[in-house]
Amino acid sequence: MSLTISERRVGDVTILGLAGRLVLEDGDAPLRERIGTLIAEGRAQIVLNLHDVTYIDSCGIGVLVDLFHSVRQRDGHLKIVCPSQRCRRVLALTHLLTVFDPFETEDEALQSFAAEPLHVAPPD
């Protein structure tokens, strides 16, 4: 099953629901393109719901890390929610659970955006 991406907005946050396999052949390009478009539109507060991700390989992990850094460079935040048992196991093995700090529910992830410090550019 290839990766499918659903999208919805809650305030300034975009929630992307991923379903299927997050692997090189199936999920790499569409997810990169979607996040790239969101960043270009100035929508860098993103939640990835991984509940329906059935498989993730090393490329999928690499995509998540790369996207995390891309969003952070735009003063945004990328959060993951509801990782499947398989995803959680891979994230634990790669020590990325501490980087992504997954949330159990979308509501918890949404509330965490309010607690994030604002990034204010210094005056010229």
PDB file of N, CA and C in Angstrom:
ATOM      1  N   MET A   1       0.849  -1.180   0.000  1.00  0.00           N
ATOM      2  CA  MET A   1       0.000   0.000   0.000  1.00  0.00           C
ATOM      3  C   MET A   1       0.895   1.244   0.000  1.00  0.00           C
ATOM      4  N   SER A   2       0.763   2.068  -1.009  1.00  0.00           N
ATOM      5  CA  SER A   2       1.567   3.291  -1.067  1.00  0.00           C
ATOM      6  C   SER A   2       1.045   4.311  -0.056  1.00  0.00           C
ATOM      7  N   LEU A   3       1.851   5.304   0.211  1.00  0.00           N
ATOM      8  CA  LEU A   3       1.510   6.318   1.208  1.00  0.00           C
ATOM      9  C   LEU A   3       0.439   7.254   0.672  1.00  0.00           C
ATOM     10  N   THR A   4      -0.571   7.486   1.488  1.00  0.00           N
ATOM     11  CA  THR A   4      -1.572   8.507   1.181  1.00  0.00           C
ATOM     12  C   THR A   4      -1.496   9.564   2.267  1.00  0.00           C
ATOM     13  N   ILE A   5      -1.803  10.797   1.867  1.00  0.00           N
ATOM     14  CA  ILE A   5      -1.701  11.931   2.784  1.00  0.00           C
ATOM     15  C   ILE A   5      -3.020  12.687   2.783  1.00  0.00           C
ATOM     16  N   SER A   6      -3.619  12.814   3.951  1.00  0.00           N
ATOM     17  CA  SER A   6      -4.798  13.662   4.097  1.00  0.00           C
ATOM     18  C   SER A   6      -4.368  14.913   4.841  1.00  0.00           C
ATOM     19  N   GLU A   7      -5.097  15.991   4.632  1.00  0.00           N
ATOM     20  CA  GLU A   7      -4.694  17.266   5.230  1.00  0.00           C
ATOM     21  C   GLU A   7      -5.891  18.008   5.780  1.00  0.00           C
ATOM     22  N   ARG A   8      -5.676  18.619   6.927  1.00  0.00           N
ATOM     23  CA  ARG A   8      -6.677  19.529   7.495  1.00  0.00           C
ATOM     24  C   ARG A   8      -5.966  20.553   8.351  1.00  0.00           C
ATOM     25  N   ARG A   9      -6.647  21.662   8.575  1.00  0.00           N
ATOM     26  CA  ARG A   9      -6.078  22.746   9.379  1.00  0.00           C
ATOM     27  C   ARG A   9      -6.876  22.928  10.657  1.00  0.00           C
ATOM     28  N   VAL A  10      -6.146  23.246  11.705  1.00  0.00           N
ATOM     29  CA  VAL A  10      -6.748  23.644  12.974  1.00  0.00           C
ATOM     30  C   VAL A  10      -6.010  24.920  13.372  1.00  0.00           C
ATOM     31  N   GLY A  11      -6.647  26.061  13.143  1.00  0.00           N
ATOM     32  CA  GLY A  11      -5.983  27.338  13.386  1.00  0.00           C
ATOM     33  C   GLY A  11      -4.789  27.477  12.468  1.00  0.00           C
ATOM     34  N   ASP A  12      -3.618  27.762  13.059  1.00  0.00           N
ATOM     35  CA  ASP A  12      -2.384  27.915  12.286  1.00  0.00           C
ATOM     36  C   ASP A  12      -1.642  26.602  12.069  1.00  0.00           C
ATOM     37  N   VAL A  13      -2.184  25.515  12.566  1.00  0.00           N
ATOM     38  CA  VAL A  13      -1.509  24.220  12.494  1.00  0.00           C
ATOM     39  C   VAL A  13      -2.118  23.381  11.369  1.00  0.00           C
ATOM     40  N   THR A  14      -1.240  22.734  10.610  1.00  0.00           N
ATOM     41  CA  THR A  14      -1.671  21.803   9.575  1.00  0.00           C
ATOM     42  C   THR A  14      -1.434  20.391  10.073  1.00  0.00           C
ATOM     43  N   ILE A  15      -2.467  19.575  10.005  1.00  0.00           N
ATOM     44  CA  ILE A  15      -2.359  18.171  10.399  1.00  0.00           C
ATOM     45  C   ILE A  15      -2.359  17.330   9.133  1.00  0.00           C
ATOM     46  N   LEU A  16      -1.293  16.551   8.967  1.00  0.00           N
ATOM     47  CA  LEU A  16      -1.206  15.626   7.842  1.00  0.00           C
ATOM     48  C   LEU A  16      -1.376  14.217   8.380  1.00  0.00           C
ATOM     49  N   GLY A  17      -2.387  13.531   7.905  1.00  0.00           N
ATOM     50  CA  GLY A  17      -2.612  12.139   8.269  1.00  0.00           C
ATOM     51  C   GLY A  17      -1.953  11.244   7.238  1.00  0.00           C
ATOM     52  N   LEU A  18      -1.017  10.435   7.675  1.00  0.00           N
ATOM     53  CA  LEU A  18      -0.310   9.534   6.768  1.00  0.00           C
ATOM     54  C   LEU A  18      -0.866   8.128   6.923  1.00  0.00           C
ATOM     55  N   ALA A  19      -1.033   7.443   5.802  1.00  0.00           N
ATOM     56  CA  ALA A  19      -1.513   6.061   5.824  1.00  0.00           C
ATOM     57  C   ALA A  19      -0.739   5.271   4.783  1.00  0.00           C
ATOM     58  N   GLY A  20      -0.295   4.097   5.175  1.00  0.00           N
ATOM     59  CA  GLY A  20       0.445   3.239   4.249  1.00  0.00           C
ATOM     60  C   GLY A  20       1.888   3.098   4.663  1.00  0.00           C
ATOM     61  N   ARG A  21       2.742   2.944   3.656  1.00  0.00           N
ATOM     62  CA  ARG A  21       4.170   2.689   3.880  1.00  0.00           C
ATOM     63  C   ARG A  21       4.988   3.956   3.656  1.00  0.00           C
ATOM     64  N   LEU A  22       5.799   4.304   4.629  1.00  0.00           N
ATOM     65  CA  LEU A  22       6.710   5.447   4.507  1.00  0.00           C
ATOM     66  C   LEU A  22       8.083   4.881   4.163  1.00  0.00           C
ATOM     67  N   VAL A  23       8.264   4.624   2.869  1.00  0.00           N
ATOM     68  CA  VAL A  23       9.489   4.017   2.359  1.00  0.00           C
ATOM     69  C   VAL A  23       9.908   4.752   1.090  1.00  0.00           C
ATOM     70  N   LEU A  24      11.115   4.473   0.622  1.00  0.00           N
ATOM     71  CA  LEU A  24      11.680   5.184  -0.513  1.00  0.00           C
ATOM     72  C   LEU A  24      10.756   5.193  -1.722  1.00  0.00           C
ATOM     73  N   GLU A  25      10.263   4.056  -2.131  1.00  0.00           N
ATOM     74  CA  GLU A  25       9.479   3.998  -3.350  1.00  0.00           C
ATOM     75  C   GLU A  25       8.089   4.610  -3.210  1.00  0.00           C
ATOM     76  N   ASP A  26       7.506   4.541  -2.031  1.00  0.00           N
ATOM     77  CA  ASP A  26       6.098   4.890  -1.870  1.00  0.00           C
ATOM     78  C   ASP A  26       5.816   6.241  -1.232  1.00  0.00           C
ATOM     79  N   GLY A  27       6.631   6.658  -0.274  1.00  0.00           N
ATOM     80  CA  GLY A  27       6.239   7.819   0.513  1.00  0.00           C
ATOM     81  C   GLY A  27       7.199   8.975   0.537  1.00  0.00           C
ATOM     82  N   ASP A  28       8.354   8.783  -0.006  1.00  0.00           N
ATOM     83  CA  ASP A  28       9.404   9.780   0.066  1.00  0.00           C
ATOM     84  C   ASP A  28       9.012  11.083  -0.624  1.00  0.00           C
ATOM     85  N   ALA A  29       8.793  11.046  -1.913  1.00  0.00           N
ATOM     86  CA  ALA A  29       8.557  12.271  -2.695  1.00  0.00           C
ATOM     87  C   ALA A  29       7.256  12.992  -2.327  1.00  0.00           C
ATOM     88  N   PRO A  30       6.123  12.291  -2.245  1.00  0.00           N
ATOM     89  CA  PRO A  30       4.880  13.032  -1.946  1.00  0.00           C
ATOM     90  C   PRO A  30       4.922  13.779  -0.619  1.00  0.00           C
ATOM     91  N   LEU A  31       5.510  13.175   0.400  1.00  0.00           N
ATOM     92  CA  LEU A  31       5.573  13.835   1.706  1.00  0.00           C
ATOM     93  C   LEU A  31       6.530  15.025   1.662  1.00  0.00           C
ATOM     94  N   ARG A  32       7.673  14.855   1.025  1.00  0.00           N
ATOM     95  CA  ARG A  32       8.615  15.974   0.875  1.00  0.00           C
ATOM     96  C   ARG A  32       7.962  17.136   0.126  1.00  0.00           C
ATOM     97  N   GLU A  33       7.274  16.827  -0.965  1.00  0.00           N
ATOM     98  CA  GLU A  33       6.622  17.867  -1.763  1.00  0.00           C
ATOM     99  C   GLU A  33       5.543  18.584  -0.959  1.00  0.00           C
ATOM    100  N   ARG A  34       4.742  17.825  -0.219  1.00  0.00           N
ATOM    101  CA  ARG A  34       3.652  18.427   0.551  1.00  0.00           C
ATOM    102  C   ARG A  34       4.196  19.356   1.626  1.00  0.00           C
ATOM    103  N   ILE A  35       5.200  18.900   2.370  1.00  0.00           N
ATOM    104  CA  ILE A  35       5.795  19.741   3.418  1.00  0.00           C
ATOM    105  C   ILE A  35       6.469  20.957   2.789  1.00  0.00           C
ATOM    106  N   GLY A  36       7.150  20.755   1.665  1.00  0.00           N
ATOM    107  CA  GLY A  36       7.790  21.879   0.975  1.00  0.00           C
ATOM    108  C   GLY A  36       6.781  22.944   0.573  1.00  0.00           C
ATOM    109  N   THR A  37       5.635  22.514   0.091  1.00  0.00           N
ATOM    110  CA  THR A  37       4.569  23.455  -0.281  1.00  0.00           C
ATOM    111  C   THR A  37       4.054  24.191   0.943  1.00  0.00           C
ATOM    112  N   LEU A  38       3.852  23.473   2.038  1.00  0.00           N
ATOM    113  CA  LEU A  38       3.375  24.111   3.271  1.00  0.00           C
ATOM    114  C   LEU A  38       4.369  25.165   3.752  1.00  0.00           C
ATOM    115  N   ILE A  39       5.654  24.839   3.732  1.00  0.00           N
ATOM    116  CA  ILE A  39       6.680  25.785   4.168  1.00  0.00           C
ATOM    117  C   ILE A  39       6.675  27.012   3.265  1.00  0.00           C
ATOM    118  N   ALA A  40       6.581  26.782   1.949  1.00  0.00           N
ATOM    119  CA  ALA A  40       6.572  27.901   0.996  1.00  0.00           C
ATOM    120  C   ALA A  40       5.370  28.815   1.220  1.00  0.00           C
ATOM    121  N   GLU A  41       4.270  28.256   1.707  1.00  0.00           N
ATOM    122  CA  GLU A  41       3.067  29.035   1.996  1.00  0.00           C
ATOM    123  C   GLU A  41       3.125  29.681   3.379  1.00  0.00           C
ATOM    124  N   GLY A  42       4.222  29.471   4.105  1.00  0.00           N
ATOM    125  CA  GLY A  42       4.354  30.047   5.441  1.00  0.00           C
ATOM    126  C   GLY A  42       3.618  29.272   6.513  1.00  0.00           C
ATOM    127  N   ARG A  43       3.287  28.026   6.237  1.00  0.00           N
ATOM    128  CA  ARG A  43       2.559  27.176   7.187  1.00  0.00           C
ATOM    129  C   ARG A  43       3.525  26.135   7.754  1.00  0.00           C
ATOM    130  N   ALA A  44       4.334  26.560   8.717  1.00  0.00           N
ATOM    131  CA  ALA A  44       5.394  25.701   9.239  1.00  0.00           C
ATOM    132  C   ALA A  44       5.077  25.119  10.612  1.00  0.00           C
ATOM    133  N   GLN A  45       3.833  25.129  11.023  1.00  0.00           N
ATOM    134  CA  GLN A  45       3.401  24.468  12.254  1.00  0.00           C
ATOM    135  C   GLN A  45       2.651  23.212  11.803  1.00  0.00           C
ATOM    136  N   ILE A  46       3.320  22.060  11.908  1.00  0.00           N
ATOM    137  CA  ILE A  46       2.820  20.848  11.268  1.00  0.00           C
ATOM    138  C   ILE A  46       2.794  19.686  12.251  1.00  0.00           C
ATOM    139  N   VAL A  47       1.715  18.917  12.177  1.00  0.00           N
ATOM    140  CA  VAL A  47       1.578  17.677  12.939  1.00  0.00           C
ATOM    141  C   VAL A  47       1.462  16.545  11.927  1.00  0.00           C
ATOM    142  N   LEU A  48       2.268  15.511  12.113  1.00  0.00           N
ATOM    143  CA  LEU A  48       2.155  14.305  11.301  1.00  0.00           C
ATOM    144  C   LEU A  48       1.507  13.222  12.139  1.00  0.00           C
ATOM    145  N   ASN A  49       0.325  12.771  11.713  1.00  0.00           N
ATOM    146  CA  ASN A  49      -0.353  11.677  12.403  1.00  0.00           C
ATOM    147  C   ASN A  49       0.094  10.380  11.749  1.00  0.00           C
ATOM    148  N   LEU A  50       0.829   9.561  12.498  1.00  0.00           N
ATOM    149  CA  LEU A  50       1.412   8.331  11.976  1.00  0.00           C
ATOM    150  C   LEU A  50       0.637   7.075  12.355  1.00  0.00           C
ATOM    151  N   HIS A  51      -0.573   7.246  12.851  1.00  0.00           N
ATOM    152  CA  HIS A  51      -1.354   6.109  13.337  1.00  0.00           C
ATOM    153  C   HIS A  51      -1.526   5.028  12.284  1.00  0.00           C
ATOM    154  N   ASP A  52      -1.722   5.406  11.038  1.00  0.00           N
ATOM    155  CA  ASP A  52      -2.006   4.434   9.985  1.00  0.00           C
ATOM    156  C   ASP A  52      -0.800   4.131   9.096  1.00  0.00           C
ATOM    157  N   VAL A  53       0.389   4.467   9.578  1.00  0.00           N
ATOM    158  CA  VAL A  53       1.603   4.092   8.850  1.00  0.00           C
ATOM    159  C   VAL A  53       1.904   2.630   9.209  1.00  0.00           C
ATOM    160  N   THR A  54       1.872   1.779   8.200  1.00  0.00           N
ATOM    161  CA  THR A  54       2.023   0.339   8.433  1.00  0.00           C
ATOM    162  C   THR A  54       3.472  -0.123   8.419  1.00  0.00           C
ATOM    163  N   TYR A  55       4.343   0.651   7.783  1.00  0.00           N
ATOM    164  CA  TYR A  55       5.746   0.264   7.700  1.00  0.00           C
ATOM    165  C   TYR A  55       6.585   1.509   7.463  1.00  0.00           C
ATOM    166  N   ILE A  56       7.753   1.543   8.089  1.00  0.00           N
ATOM    167  CA  ILE A  56       8.682   2.655   7.881  1.00  0.00           C
ATOM    168  C   ILE A  56      10.080   2.062   7.781  1.00  0.00           C
ATOM    169  N   ASP A  57      10.827   2.474   6.756  1.00  0.00           N
ATOM    170  CA  ASP A  57      12.191   1.977   6.596  1.00  0.00           C
ATOM    171  C   ASP A  57      13.182   3.096   6.895  1.00  0.00           C
ATOM    172  N   SER A  58      14.469   2.825   6.658  1.00  0.00           N
ATOM    173  CA  SER A  58      15.494   3.819   6.968  1.00  0.00           C
ATOM    174  C   SER A  58      15.313   5.082   6.136  1.00  0.00           C
ATOM    175  N   CYS A  59      14.826   4.956   4.922  1.00  0.00           N
ATOM    176  CA  CYS A  59      14.566   6.144   4.102  1.00  0.00           C
ATOM    177  C   CYS A  59      13.438   6.966   4.720  1.00  0.00           C
ATOM    178  N   GLY A  60      12.411   6.305   5.203  1.00  0.00           N
ATOM    179  CA  GLY A  60      11.305   7.000   5.856  1.00  0.00           C
ATOM    180  C   GLY A  60      11.770   7.754   7.083  1.00  0.00           C
ATOM    181  N   ILE A  61      12.659   7.136   7.852  1.00  0.00           N
ATOM    182  CA  ILE A  61      13.237   7.815   9.020  1.00  0.00           C
ATOM    183  C   ILE A  61      14.042   9.023   8.556  1.00  0.00           C
ATOM    184  N   GLY A  62      14.827   8.840   7.496  1.00  0.00           N
ATOM    185  CA  GLY A  62      15.618   9.944   6.957  1.00  0.00           C
ATOM    186  C   GLY A  62      14.742  11.091   6.494  1.00  0.00           C
ATOM    187  N   VAL A  63      13.608  10.770   5.886  1.00  0.00           N
ATOM    188  CA  VAL A  63      12.669  11.805   5.440  1.00  0.00           C
ATOM    189  C   VAL A  63      12.146  12.579   6.637  1.00  0.00           C
ATOM    190  N   LEU A  64      11.753  11.882   7.695  1.00  0.00           N
ATOM    191  CA  LEU A  64      11.239  12.560   8.891  1.00  0.00           C
ATOM    192  C   LEU A  64      12.286  13.500   9.482  1.00  0.00           C
ATOM    193  N   VAL A  65      13.517  13.030   9.578  1.00  0.00           N
ATOM    194  CA  VAL A  65      14.590  13.865  10.133  1.00  0.00           C
ATOM    195  C   VAL A  65      14.836  15.074   9.239  1.00  0.00           C
ATOM    196  N   ASP A  66      14.911  14.853   7.938  1.00  0.00           N
ATOM    197  CA  ASP A  66      15.142  15.948   6.997  1.00  0.00           C
ATOM    198  C   ASP A  66      14.015  16.987   7.073  1.00  0.00           C
ATOM    199  N   LEU A  67      12.781  16.515   7.127  1.00  0.00           N
ATOM    200  CA  LEU A  67      11.645  17.433   7.209  1.00  0.00           C
ATOM    201  C   LEU A  67      11.643  18.191   8.531  1.00  0.00           C
ATOM    202  N   PHE A  68      12.009  17.514   9.602  1.00  0.00           N
ATOM    203  CA  PHE A  68      12.101  18.158  10.908  1.00  0.00           C
ATOM    204  C   PHE A  68      13.064  19.345  10.825  1.00  0.00           C
ATOM    205  N   HIS A  69      14.231  19.131  10.218  1.00  0.00           N
ATOM    206  CA  HIS A  69      15.218  20.207  10.097  1.00  0.00           C
ATOM    207  C   HIS A  69      14.741  21.311   9.155  1.00  0.00           C
ATOM    208  N   SER A  70      14.095  20.944   8.065  1.00  0.00           N
ATOM    209  CA  SER A  70      13.587  21.954   7.118  1.00  0.00           C
ATOM    210  C   SER A  70      12.561  22.862   7.783  1.00  0.00           C
ATOM    211  N   VAL A  71      11.669  22.273   8.560  1.00  0.00           N
ATOM    212  CA  VAL A  71      10.636  23.051   9.243  1.00  0.00           C
ATOM    213  C   VAL A  71      11.268  23.940  10.312  1.00  0.00           C
ATOM    214  N   ARG A  72      12.219  23.417  11.059  1.00  0.00           N
ATOM    215  CA  ARG A  72      12.884  24.204  12.108  1.00  0.00           C
ATOM    216  C   ARG A  72      13.632  25.395  11.517  1.00  0.00           C
ATOM    217  N   GLN A  73      14.228  25.222  10.323  1.00  0.00           N
ATOM    218  CA  GLN A  73      14.940  26.326   9.672  1.00  0.00           C
ATOM    219  C   GLN A  73      13.993  27.463   9.312  1.00  0.00           C
ATOM    220  N   ARG A  74      12.725  27.181   9.206  1.00  0.00           N
ATOM    221  CA  ARG A  74      11.720  28.200   8.903  1.00  0.00           C
ATOM    222  C   ARG A  74      10.995  28.645  10.156  1.00  0.00           C
ATOM    223  N   ASP A  75      11.640  28.419  11.332  1.00  0.00           N
ATOM    224  CA  ASP A  75      11.071  28.756  12.638  1.00  0.00           C
ATOM    225  C   ASP A  75       9.740  28.066  12.898  1.00  0.00           C
ATOM    226  N   GLY A  76       9.586  26.892  12.336  1.00  0.00           N
ATOM    227  CA  GLY A  76       8.370  26.117  12.542  1.00  0.00           C
ATOM    228  C   GLY A  76       8.625  24.942  13.465  1.00  0.00           C
ATOM    229  N   HIS A  77       7.594  24.139  13.610  1.00  0.00           N
ATOM    230  CA  HIS A  77       7.676  22.951  14.457  1.00  0.00           C
ATOM    231  C   HIS A  77       6.991  21.796  13.733  1.00  0.00           C
ATOM    232  N   LEU A  78       7.642  20.645  13.759  1.00  0.00           N
ATOM    233  CA  LEU A  78       7.085  19.417  13.208  1.00  0.00           C
ATOM    234  C   LEU A  78       6.925  18.446  14.356  1.00  0.00           C
ATOM    235  N   LYS A  79       5.695  18.031  14.588  1.00  0.00           N
ATOM    236  CA  LYS A  79       5.413  17.127  15.700  1.00  0.00           C
ATOM    237  C   LYS A  79       4.758  15.872  15.146  1.00  0.00           C
ATOM    238  N   ILE A  80       5.009  14.760  15.819  1.00  0.00           N
ATOM    239  CA  ILE A  80       4.352  13.529  15.398  1.00  0.00           C
ATOM    240  C   ILE A  80       3.380  13.081  16.480  1.00  0.00           C
ATOM    241  N   VAL A  81       2.349  12.414  16.016  1.00  0.00           N
ATOM    242  CA  VAL A  81       1.300  11.972  16.921  1.00  0.00           C
ATOM    243  C   VAL A  81       0.878  10.557  16.534  1.00  0.00           C
ATOM    244  N   CYS A  82       0.516   9.797  17.524  1.00  0.00           N
ATOM    245  CA  CYS A  82      -0.037   8.450  17.358  1.00  0.00           C
ATOM    246  C   CYS A  82       0.828   7.528  16.509  1.00  0.00           C
ATOM    247  N   PRO A  83       2.143   7.479  16.741  1.00  0.00           N
ATOM    248  CA  PRO A  83       2.924   6.555  15.921  1.00  0.00           C
ATOM    249  C   PRO A  83       2.475   5.118  16.173  1.00  0.00           C
ATOM    250  N   SER A  84       2.341   4.361  15.110  1.00  0.00           N
ATOM    251  CA  SER A  84       1.980   2.952  15.244  1.00  0.00           C
ATOM    252  C   SER A  84       3.065   2.244  16.051  1.00  0.00           C
ATOM    253  N   GLN A  85       2.770   1.057  16.529  1.00  0.00           N
ATOM    254  CA  GLN A  85       3.758   0.310  17.303  1.00  0.00           C
ATOM    255  C   GLN A  85       5.033   0.102  16.506  1.00  0.00           C
ATOM    256  N   ARG A  86       4.880  -0.201  15.224  1.00  0.00           N
ATOM    257  CA  ARG A  86       6.050  -0.421  14.373  1.00  0.00           C
ATOM    258  C   ARG A  86       6.880   0.863  14.259  1.00  0.00           C
ATOM    259  N   CYS A  87       6.206   2.008  14.031  1.00  0.00           N
ATOM    260  CA  CYS A  87       6.923   3.286  13.931  1.00  0.00           C
ATOM    261  C   CYS A  87       7.602   3.629  15.247  1.00  0.00           C
ATOM    262  N   ARG A  88       6.903   3.429  16.326  1.00  0.00           N
ATOM    263  CA  ARG A  88       7.465   3.748  17.645  1.00  0.00           C
ATOM    264  C   ARG A  88       8.710   2.903  17.908  1.00  0.00           C
ATOM    265  N   ARG A  89       8.672   1.636  17.524  1.00  0.00           N
ATOM    266  CA  ARG A  89       9.815   0.755  17.722  1.00  0.00           C
ATOM    267  C   ARG A  89      11.025   1.244  16.915  1.00  0.00           C
ATOM    268  N   VAL A  90      10.797   1.615  15.652  1.00  0.00           N
ATOM    269  CA  VAL A  90      11.892   2.115  14.806  1.00  0.00           C
ATOM    270  C   VAL A  90      12.433   3.430  15.359  1.00  0.00           C
ATOM    271  N   LEU A  91      11.561   4.323  15.788  1.00  0.00           N
ATOM    272  CA  LEU A  91      12.003   5.595  16.368  1.00  0.00           C
ATOM    273  C   LEU A  91      12.794   5.359  17.656  1.00  0.00           C
ATOM    274  N   ALA A  92      12.399   4.370  18.433  1.00  0.00           N
ATOM    275  CA  ALA A  92      13.131   4.059  19.669  1.00  0.00           C
ATOM    276  C   ALA A  92      14.506   3.485  19.347  1.00  0.00           C
ATOM    277  N   LEU A  93      14.571   2.579  18.377  1.00  0.00           N
ATOM    278  CA  LEU A  93      15.851   1.967  18.002  1.00  0.00           C
ATOM    279  C   LEU A  93      16.846   2.995  17.469  1.00  0.00           C
ATOM    280  N   THR A  94      16.331   4.021  16.810  1.00  0.00           N
ATOM    281  CA  THR A  94      17.200   5.053  16.235  1.00  0.00           C
ATOM    282  C   THR A  94      17.397   6.236  17.185  1.00  0.00           C
ATOM    283  N   HIS A  95      16.851   6.118  18.391  1.00  0.00           N
ATOM    284  CA  HIS A  95      16.964   7.158  19.422  1.00  0.00           C
ATOM    285  C   HIS A  95      16.327   8.481  18.972  1.00  0.00           C
ATOM    286  N   LEU A  96      15.313   8.406  18.131  1.00  0.00           N
ATOM    287  CA  LEU A  96      14.652   9.618  17.649  1.00  0.00           C
ATOM    288  C   LEU A  96      13.383   9.957  18.431  1.00  0.00           C
ATOM    289  N   LEU A  97      12.995   9.106  19.370  1.00  0.00           N
ATOM    290  CA  LEU A  97      11.824   9.445  20.191  1.00  0.00           C
ATOM    291  C   LEU A  97      12.078  10.720  20.981  1.00  0.00           C
ATOM    292  N   THR A  98      13.319  10.950  21.378  1.00  0.00           N
ATOM    293  CA  THR A  98      13.626  12.169  22.134  1.00  0.00           C
ATOM    294  C   THR A  98      13.646  13.397  21.233  1.00  0.00           C
ATOM    295  N   VAL A  99      13.943  13.216  19.969  1.00  0.00           N
ATOM    296  CA  VAL A  99      13.947  14.335  19.027  1.00  0.00           C
ATOM    297  C   VAL A  99      12.517  14.730  18.676  1.00  0.00           C
ATOM    298  N   PHE A 100      11.709  13.740  18.347  1.00  0.00           N
ATOM    299  CA  PHE A 100      10.351  14.018  17.892  1.00  0.00           C
ATOM    300  C   PHE A 100       9.353  14.179  19.025  1.00  0.00           C
ATOM    301  N   ASP A 101       9.634  13.608  20.206  1.00  0.00           N
ATOM    302  CA  ASP A 101       8.736  13.731  21.347  1.00  0.00           C
ATOM    303  C   ASP A 101       7.288  13.494  20.923  1.00  0.00           C
ATOM    304  N   PRO A 102       6.953  12.253  20.564  1.00  0.00           N
ATOM    305  CA  PRO A 102       5.620  11.983  20.023  1.00  0.00           C
ATOM    306  C   PRO A 102       4.505  12.201  21.043  1.00  0.00           C
ATOM    307  N   PHE A 103       3.361  12.590  20.531  1.00  0.00           N
ATOM    308  CA  PHE A 103       2.170  12.802  21.350  1.00  0.00           C
ATOM    309  C   PHE A 103       1.186  11.670  21.108  1.00  0.00           C
ATOM    310  N   GLU A 104       0.398  11.379  22.111  1.00  0.00           N
ATOM    311  CA  GLU A 104      -0.578  10.297  22.006  1.00  0.00           C
ATOM    312  C   GLU A 104      -1.832  10.716  21.250  1.00  0.00           C
ATOM    313  N   THR A 105      -2.190  12.000  21.344  1.00  0.00           N
ATOM    314  CA  THR A 105      -3.398  12.482  20.666  1.00  0.00           C
ATOM    315  C   THR A 105      -3.099  13.760  19.898  1.00  0.00           C
ATOM    316  N   GLU A 106      -3.918  14.035  18.904  1.00  0.00           N
ATOM    317  CA  GLU A 106      -3.779  15.281  18.159  1.00  0.00           C
ATOM    318  C   GLU A 106      -4.018  16.482  19.053  1.00  0.00           C
ATOM    319  N   ASP A 107      -4.965  16.382  19.989  1.00  0.00           N
ATOM    320  CA  ASP A 107      -5.232  17.497  20.902  1.00  0.00           C
ATOM    321  C   ASP A 107      -3.993  17.857  21.725  1.00  0.00           C
ATOM    322  N   GLU A 108      -3.277  16.843  22.226  1.00  0.00           N
ATOM    323  CA  GLU A 108      -2.051  17.109  22.984  1.00  0.00           C
ATOM    324  C   GLU A 108      -1.017  17.821  22.112  1.00  0.00           C
ATOM    325  N   ALA A 109      -0.869  17.364  20.877  1.00  0.00           N
ATOM    326  CA  ALA A 109       0.085  17.993  19.960  1.00  0.00           C
ATOM    327  C   ALA A 109      -0.318  19.431  19.674  1.00  0.00           C
ATOM    328  N   LEU A 110      -1.603  19.666  19.440  1.00  0.00           N
ATOM    329  CA  LEU A 110      -2.085  21.019  19.159  1.00  0.00           C
ATOM    330  C   LEU A 110      -1.848  21.939  20.347  1.00  0.00           C
ATOM    331  N   GLN A 111      -2.095  21.456  21.558  1.00  0.00           N
ATOM    332  CA  GLN A 111      -1.879  22.271  22.749  1.00  0.00           C
ATOM    333  C   GLN A 111      -0.408  22.595  22.956  1.00  0.00           C
ATOM    334  N   SER A 112       0.472  21.718  22.499  1.00  0.00           N
ATOM    335  CA  SER A 112       1.903  21.954  22.687  1.00  0.00           C
ATOM    336  C   SER A 112       2.402  23.138  21.865  1.00  0.00           C
ATOM    337  N   PHE A 113       1.717  23.481  20.782  1.00  0.00           N
ATOM    338  CA  PHE A 113       2.134  24.641  19.989  1.00  0.00           C
ATOM    339  C   PHE A 113       2.005  25.928  20.788  1.00  0.00           C
ATOM    340  N   ALA A 114       1.005  26.006  21.652  1.00  0.00           N
ATOM    341  CA  ALA A 114       0.807  27.203  22.465  1.00  0.00           C
ATOM    342  C   ALA A 114       1.950  27.381  23.464  1.00  0.00           C
ATOM    343  N   ALA A 115       2.598  26.284  23.837  1.00  0.00           N
ATOM    344  CA  ALA A 115       3.680  26.346  24.818  1.00  0.00           C
ATOM    345  C   ALA A 115       5.033  26.633  24.187  1.00  0.00           C
ATOM    346  N   GLU A 116       5.115  26.621  22.847  1.00  0.00           N
ATOM    347  CA  GLU A 116       6.392  26.858  22.164  1.00  0.00           C
ATOM    348  C   GLU A 116       6.774  28.331  22.270  1.00  0.00           C
ATOM    349  N   PRO A 117       8.056  28.606  22.494  1.00  0.00           N
ATOM    350  CA  PRO A 117       8.498  30.002  22.534  1.00  0.00           C
ATOM    351  C   PRO A 117       8.407  30.624  21.139  1.00  0.00           C
ATOM    352  N   LEU A 118       8.088  31.888  21.109  1.00  0.00           N
ATOM    353  CA  LEU A 118       8.040  32.600  19.840  1.00  0.00           C
ATOM    354  C   LEU A 118       9.448  32.934  19.372  1.00  0.00           C
ATOM    355  N   HIS A 119       9.668  32.827  18.083  1.00  0.00           N
ATOM    356  CA  HIS A 119      10.957  33.187  17.508  1.00  0.00           C
ATOM    357  C   HIS A 119      10.836  34.603  16.977  1.00  0.00           C
ATOM    358  N   VAL A 120      11.532  35.518  17.618  1.00  0.00           N
ATOM    359  CA  VAL A 120      11.482  36.916  17.224  1.00  0.00           C
ATOM    360  C   VAL A 120      12.841  37.316  16.674  1.00  0.00           C
ATOM    361  N   ALA A 121      12.839  37.865  15.480  1.00  0.00           N
ATOM    362  CA  ALA A 121      14.091  38.308  14.881  1.00  0.00           C
ATOM    363  C   ALA A 121      14.603  39.539  15.612  1.00  0.00           C
ATOM    364  N   PRO A 122      15.927  39.621  15.813  1.00  0.00           N
ATOM    365  CA  PRO A 122      16.480  40.816  16.482  1.00  0.00           C
ATOM    366  C   PRO A 122      16.290  42.044  15.602  1.00  0.00           C
ATOM    367  N   PRO A 123      16.197  43.223  16.213  1.00  0.00           N
ATOM    368  CA  PRO A 123      16.018  44.440  15.420  1.00  0.00           C
ATOM    369  C   PRO A 123      17.250  44.705  14.584  1.00  0.00           C
ATOM    370  N   ASP A 124      17.032  45.357  13.449  1.00  0.00           N
ATOM    371  CA  ASP A 124      18.147  45.699  12.539  1.00  0.00           C
ATOM    372  C   ASP A 124      18.991  46.815  13.089  1.00  0.00           C
TER     373      ASP A 124
END
